[in-house]
Amino acid sequence: MNRNASNGRYGYVEGTIPGLMASARALLARDLRLLWRRRGDALQPALFALIVVVLFALALGNEPQLQARTAAGVLWVAALLAGLLALDSLFRGDAEDGSLEQWMLAPVPLAWLVGVRTLMHWATTALPLLLATPFLAELLHLPHAQLPPLMIGLALGTPILSLIGAVVAAIRIATQ
């Protein structure tokens, strides 16, 4: 037995446990590869949000004042619905192929892996909508003074929506 190799956390030899950043990079790379293979699925939330905003603009008619009063709420509804659309597939593929069991056995905290997956969900559903918000706000005649607070609110609120959605998706997977 090698006396120089000390046992670290979980009984592994020090230096052999994958670090948090290495596991995050591996999970992000895997998710990006899967996303690239399903490009049509990746565009669904953004296109759905665009359709929601356009339908609201058409339903409110040719009244710029009414559209301006409801624009922030419409954009929040679009962000919420776009996030909900992608929640079904957040952990489903991992549950089907056994990756979730591997996550539980991994030497990194399960909460870290779930957080990375949730960050990826936010980046693929809410971030494109956040980038398109100035254009969608212009479509809804949002006053320019209201755009910065709306952007800040969406930037702070959509990650929370993704975290809440991850909890719901995990409960749904656990009950199946």
Protein backbone atom coordinates (compact mmCIF):
# COMPACT_ATOMS: atom_id res chain seq x y z
CA MET A 1 0.00 0.00 0.00
CA ASN A 2 1.27 3.44 -0.90
CA ARG A 3 1.71 5.53 2.25
CA ASN A 4 1.98 8.78 0.26
CA ALA A 5 -1.57 8.48 -1.10
CA SER A 6 -3.97 9.60 1.58
CA ASN A 7 -7.62 8.72 1.48
CA GLY A 8 -9.79 11.74 0.80
CA ARG A 9 -13.49 12.27 0.96
CA TYR A 10 -15.61 9.16 0.22
CA GLY A 11 -12.52 6.96 0.58
CA TYR A 12 -11.03 7.90 -2.80
CA VAL A 13 -7.38 8.69 -3.21
CA GLU A 14 -6.92 12.45 -3.19
CA GLY A 15 -6.77 13.98 -6.62
CA THR A 16 -9.02 11.35 -8.20
CA ILE A 17 -12.37 12.87 -7.26
CA PRO A 18 -13.74 14.94 -10.07
CA GLY A 19 -14.07 18.53 -8.97
CA LEU A 20 -17.24 20.52 -9.02
CA MET A 21 -16.16 22.55 -12.02
CA ALA A 22 -15.08 19.46 -13.97
CA SER A 23 -18.43 17.79 -13.34
CA ALA A 24 -20.27 20.99 -14.30
CA ARG A 25 -18.27 21.25 -17.53
CA ALA A 26 -18.98 17.62 -18.38
CA LEU A 27 -22.70 18.00 -17.70
CA LEU A 28 -22.90 21.26 -19.67
CA ALA A 29 -21.02 19.71 -22.59
CA ARG A 30 -23.38 16.72 -22.58
CA ASP A 31 -26.45 18.96 -22.43
CA LEU A 32 -25.14 21.15 -25.25
CA ARG A 33 -24.51 18.08 -27.42
CA LEU A 34 -28.03 16.82 -26.77
CA LEU A 35 -29.44 20.27 -27.44
CA TRP A 36 -27.56 20.47 -30.73
CA ARG A 37 -29.01 17.11 -31.77
CA ARG A 38 -32.54 18.32 -30.97
CA ARG A 39 -32.32 21.82 -32.40
CA GLY A 40 -36.06 21.91 -33.11
CA ASP A 41 -36.85 21.21 -29.47
CA ALA A 42 -34.41 23.91 -28.40
CA LEU A 43 -36.22 26.59 -30.39
CA GLN A 44 -39.69 25.66 -29.14
CA PRO A 45 -39.73 27.79 -25.95
CA ALA A 46 -38.49 30.93 -27.71
CA LEU A 47 -40.90 30.51 -30.60
CA PHE A 48 -43.74 29.76 -28.20
CA ALA A 49 -43.01 32.97 -26.27
CA LEU A 50 -42.96 34.90 -29.54
CA ILE A 51 -46.34 33.43 -30.50
CA VAL A 52 -47.78 34.31 -27.09
CA VAL A 53 -46.64 37.93 -27.40
CA VAL A 54 -47.90 38.25 -30.98
CA LEU A 55 -51.28 36.76 -30.05
CA PHE A 56 -51.62 39.17 -27.13
CA ALA A 57 -50.73 42.08 -29.41
CA LEU A 58 -53.34 40.97 -31.93
CA ALA A 59 -55.97 40.37 -29.25
CA LEU A 60 -55.49 43.81 -27.72
CA GLY A 61 -56.11 45.39 -31.10
CA ASN A 62 -54.88 48.68 -32.42
CA GLU A 63 -54.77 50.44 -29.06
CA PRO A 64 -51.18 51.34 -28.21
CA GLN A 65 -52.14 52.65 -24.75
CA LEU A 66 -53.76 49.36 -23.78
CA GLN A 67 -50.83 47.40 -25.17
CA ALA A 68 -48.39 49.61 -23.26
CA ARG A 69 -50.26 49.06 -19.97
CA THR A 70 -50.26 45.28 -20.36
CA ALA A 71 -46.84 44.80 -22.01
CA ALA A 72 -44.88 43.92 -18.87
CA GLY A 73 -47.46 41.37 -17.77
CA VAL A 74 -47.61 39.84 -21.22
CA LEU A 75 -43.84 39.41 -21.30
CA TRP A 76 -43.91 37.79 -17.85
CA VAL A 77 -46.66 35.40 -18.98
CA ALA A 78 -44.64 34.56 -22.09
CA ALA A 79 -41.55 33.83 -19.96
CA LEU A 80 -43.54 31.65 -17.58
CA LEU A 81 -45.23 29.67 -20.33
CA ALA A 82 -41.98 29.21 -22.26
CA GLY A 83 -40.30 27.88 -19.13
CA LEU A 84 -43.18 25.50 -18.43
CA LEU A 85 -43.02 24.13 -21.95
CA ALA A 86 -39.50 22.80 -21.45
CA LEU A 87 -39.94 21.55 -17.87
CA ASP A 88 -41.27 18.16 -18.90
CA SER A 89 -37.94 17.19 -20.43
CA LEU A 90 -35.74 18.62 -17.66
CA PHE A 91 -35.04 15.30 -15.89
CA ARG A 92 -37.10 12.84 -17.95
CA GLY A 93 -34.28 11.76 -20.27
CA ASP A 94 -31.93 11.26 -17.33
CA ALA A 95 -34.51 9.16 -15.51
CA GLU A 96 -35.09 7.00 -18.59
CA ASP A 97 -31.43 6.27 -19.34
CA GLY A 98 -30.32 5.81 -15.73
CA SER A 99 -28.26 8.99 -15.46
CA LEU A 100 -30.14 10.12 -12.35
CA GLU A 101 -29.00 7.02 -10.48
CA GLN A 102 -25.44 7.80 -11.56
CA TRP A 103 -25.85 11.36 -10.30
CA MET A 104 -26.82 10.02 -6.87
CA LEU A 105 -23.75 7.80 -6.80
CA ALA A 106 -21.38 10.49 -8.06
CA PRO A 107 -18.78 11.91 -5.65
CA VAL A 108 -20.11 15.43 -6.22
CA PRO A 109 -23.18 16.79 -4.43
CA LEU A 110 -26.48 16.01 -6.12
CA ALA A 111 -27.63 19.59 -5.51
CA TRP A 112 -24.69 20.83 -7.59
CA LEU A 113 -25.65 18.65 -10.57
CA VAL A 114 -29.30 19.67 -10.30
CA GLY A 115 -28.22 23.31 -10.11
CA VAL A 116 -26.11 22.96 -13.25
CA ARG A 117 -29.00 21.31 -15.08
CA THR A 118 -31.35 24.06 -13.91
CA LEU A 119 -28.89 26.71 -15.09
CA MET A 120 -28.82 25.03 -18.49
CA HIS A 121 -32.64 25.01 -18.54
CA TRP A 122 -32.67 28.73 -17.78
CA ALA A 123 -30.03 29.45 -20.41
CA THR A 124 -31.98 27.63 -23.11
CA THR A 125 -35.48 28.87 -22.27
CA ALA A 126 -35.36 32.22 -20.49
CA LEU A 127 -32.11 33.72 -21.75
CA PRO A 128 -33.22 33.86 -25.42
CA LEU A 129 -36.46 35.47 -24.29
CA LEU A 130 -34.51 37.92 -22.15
CA LEU A 131 -32.40 38.86 -25.18
CA ALA A 132 -35.53 39.29 -27.33
CA THR A 133 -37.40 41.33 -24.70
CA PRO A 134 -36.46 44.77 -26.13
CA PHE A 135 -37.88 43.79 -29.52
CA LEU A 136 -41.00 42.21 -28.03
CA ALA A 137 -41.49 45.24 -25.78
CA GLU A 138 -41.37 47.47 -28.83
CA LEU A 139 -44.04 45.30 -30.46
CA LEU A 140 -46.25 45.88 -27.41
CA HIS A 141 -45.52 49.65 -27.26
CA LEU A 142 -43.87 49.40 -23.83
CA PRO A 143 -42.65 52.85 -22.75
CA HIS A 144 -38.86 53.02 -22.99
CA ALA A 145 -38.55 54.09 -19.35
CA GLN A 146 -40.13 50.79 -18.25
CA LEU A 147 -37.76 48.56 -20.21
CA PRO A 148 -34.77 48.58 -17.78
CA PRO A 149 -36.87 47.60 -14.72
CA LEU A 150 -38.60 44.91 -16.77
CA MET A 151 -35.26 43.52 -17.95
CA ILE A 152 -33.91 43.50 -14.38
CA GLY A 153 -37.06 41.84 -13.13
CA LEU A 154 -36.92 39.16 -15.81
CA ALA A 155 -33.20 38.61 -15.21
CA LEU A 156 -33.83 38.07 -11.50
CA GLY A 157 -37.20 36.32 -11.72
CA THR A 158 -36.69 33.79 -14.50
CA PRO A 159 -33.91 31.89 -12.68
CA ILE A 160 -36.26 31.56 -9.70
CA LEU A 161 -38.97 30.25 -12.01
CA SER A 162 -36.47 27.69 -13.34
CA LEU A 163 -35.55 26.61 -9.80
CA ILE A 164 -39.20 26.20 -8.81
CA GLY A 165 -39.81 24.31 -12.04
CA ALA A 166 -36.86 22.01 -11.32
CA VAL A 167 -38.39 21.11 -7.96
CA VAL A 168 -41.73 20.34 -9.62
CA ALA A 169 -40.03 18.31 -12.38
CA ALA A 170 -38.04 16.33 -9.78
CA ILE A 171 -41.19 15.57 -7.80
CA ARG A 172 -42.93 14.48 -10.97
CA ILE A 173 -40.06 12.11 -11.86
CA ALA A 174 -40.01 10.74 -8.32
CA THR A 175 -43.72 9.94 -8.36
CA GLN A 176 -43.64 8.04 -11.64
